[in-house]
Protein backbone atom coordinates (compact mmCIF):
# COMPACT_ATOMS: atom_id res chain seq x y z
CA MET A 1 15.64 -16.99 -22.45
CA ASN A 2 13.03 -14.71 -20.91
CA ILE A 3 9.36 -15.53 -20.42
CA ALA A 4 8.25 -13.68 -23.58
CA GLU A 5 10.65 -15.74 -25.70
CA ASN A 6 9.84 -18.93 -23.82
CA ILE A 7 6.09 -18.65 -24.36
CA LYS A 8 6.60 -18.54 -28.14
CA THR A 9 8.59 -21.80 -28.24
CA LYS A 10 6.80 -25.01 -29.07
CA PRO A 11 7.10 -27.67 -26.34
CA THR A 12 8.25 -31.15 -27.25
CA PHE A 13 5.38 -32.58 -25.19
CA ALA A 14 1.82 -31.46 -24.53
CA CYS A 15 1.35 -30.34 -20.95
CA GLU A 16 -2.25 -31.17 -20.07
CA ASN A 17 -2.38 -29.77 -16.53
CA CYS A 18 0.27 -27.04 -16.48
CA PHE A 19 -0.90 -24.28 -14.14
CA LYS A 20 -4.36 -25.87 -14.13
CA ASP A 21 -5.62 -24.04 -11.03
CA THR A 22 -4.07 -20.76 -12.17
CA LYS A 23 -5.72 -21.05 -15.59
CA THR A 24 -9.08 -21.74 -13.93
CA VAL A 25 -8.88 -18.66 -11.70
CA ILE A 26 -7.74 -16.43 -14.57
CA LYS A 27 -10.57 -17.76 -16.77
CA GLU A 28 -13.17 -17.12 -14.06
CA PHE A 29 -11.94 -13.55 -13.61
CA PHE A 30 -11.83 -12.99 -17.40
CA ASP A 31 -15.41 -14.25 -17.75
CA TYR A 32 -16.52 -11.99 -14.89
CA VAL A 33 -14.96 -8.92 -16.49
CA ASP A 34 -16.13 -9.76 -20.04
CA CYS A 35 -19.54 -8.20 -19.51
CA ASN A 36 -20.80 -8.46 -23.08
CA LYS A 37 -19.38 -12.00 -23.52
CA ASP A 38 -17.61 -11.23 -26.81
CA GLY A 39 -14.35 -12.88 -25.78
CA ASN A 40 -12.48 -9.58 -25.40
CA ILE A 41 -12.12 -7.19 -22.51
CA SER A 42 -11.44 -3.50 -22.77
CA ALA A 43 -9.82 -1.23 -20.22
CA GLU A 44 -13.30 -0.03 -19.27
CA ASN A 45 -14.53 -3.60 -18.68
CA LEU A 46 -11.47 -4.32 -16.56
CA TYR A 47 -11.77 -1.10 -14.55
CA TRP A 48 -15.44 -1.56 -13.69
CA GLY A 49 -14.97 -5.24 -12.96
CA MET A 50 -12.13 -4.55 -10.53
CA THR A 51 -13.84 -1.61 -8.80
CA ASN A 52 -16.89 -3.80 -8.15
CA MET A 53 -14.86 -6.59 -6.54
CA LYS A 54 -14.55 -6.85 -2.79
CA ASP A 55 -11.47 -7.73 -0.75
CA LEU A 56 -8.84 -6.89 -3.35
CA PRO A 57 -5.33 -6.82 -1.86
CA HIS A 58 -4.82 -3.44 -3.54
CA PRO A 59 -8.26 -1.83 -3.19
CA LYS A 60 -7.47 1.34 -5.16
CA THR A 61 -7.87 0.63 -8.87
CA THR A 62 -7.12 3.57 -11.12
CA THR A 63 -7.82 4.12 -14.79
CA THR A 64 -4.09 4.67 -15.34
CA MET A 65 -3.25 1.24 -13.94
CA VAL A 66 -5.83 -0.49 -16.11
CA ASN A 67 -4.98 1.48 -19.27
CA ASP A 68 -1.26 0.75 -18.85
CA PHE A 69 -1.98 -2.96 -18.42
CA VAL A 70 -4.13 -3.11 -21.57
CA LEU A 71 -1.74 -1.01 -23.68
CA ASN A 72 1.30 -3.02 -22.63
CA THR A 73 -0.43 -6.37 -23.03
CA MET A 74 -2.52 -6.11 -26.20
CA GLU A 75 -0.99 -7.77 -29.21
CA HIS A 76 -3.15 -6.17 -31.88
CA LYS A 77 -4.39 -2.60 -32.20
CA THR A 78 -7.84 -3.47 -30.91
CA ALA A 79 -7.62 -1.73 -27.52
CA ALA A 80 -8.94 -4.98 -26.05
CA LEU A 81 -7.51 -8.24 -24.75
CA ASP A 82 -8.53 -11.77 -25.58
CA PHE A 83 -8.07 -14.51 -23.00
CA ILE A 84 -4.56 -15.45 -24.18
CA ASP A 85 -3.29 -11.85 -24.10
CA PHE A 86 -4.94 -11.27 -20.72
CA SER A 87 -3.39 -14.42 -19.22
CA PHE A 88 0.01 -13.54 -20.67
CA GLY A 89 -0.17 -10.03 -19.19
CA LEU A 90 -1.05 -11.31 -15.74
CA LEU A 91 1.61 -14.00 -15.68
CA VAL A 92 4.38 -11.79 -17.10
CA GLY A 93 3.46 -8.99 -14.70
CA MET A 94 3.56 -11.37 -11.75
CA TYR A 95 6.86 -12.84 -12.96
CA GLU A 96 8.47 -9.41 -13.29
CA ARG A 97 7.37 -8.35 -9.80
CA VAL A 98 8.30 -11.56 -7.99
CA ILE A 99 11.52 -12.80 -9.58
CA SER A 100 14.78 -10.91 -9.74
CA LYS A 101 18.39 -11.93 -10.26
CA GLU A 102 19.03 -11.75 -6.54
CA GLU A 103 15.95 -13.34 -4.98
CA LEU A 104 12.43 -14.71 -5.23
CA SER A 105 10.01 -12.39 -3.46
CA GLU A 106 7.17 -13.76 -1.35
CA VAL A 107 4.81 -10.91 -2.38
């Protein structure tokens, strides 16, 4: 079962603190990027939010990177991401870049 299938399954128990710190950091970043506070972020919001941040590990943010992320992550045809879609996109993207059949990368 891959992560996309796994996230749709209903757990038999309620996990109160699963990824608590990760959720907090993602929520803080989402709130920072959600400039108009409507609960959705567009590619433009994400691009300007990331270009205004200091000390990013990958300092060059391009419109192509941000557009690809939003297009591949959005569930509905809104051209925007709510917090759940945004979190899912970040976690799936990290999972795909770090875990392979052969090894677990430290990147």
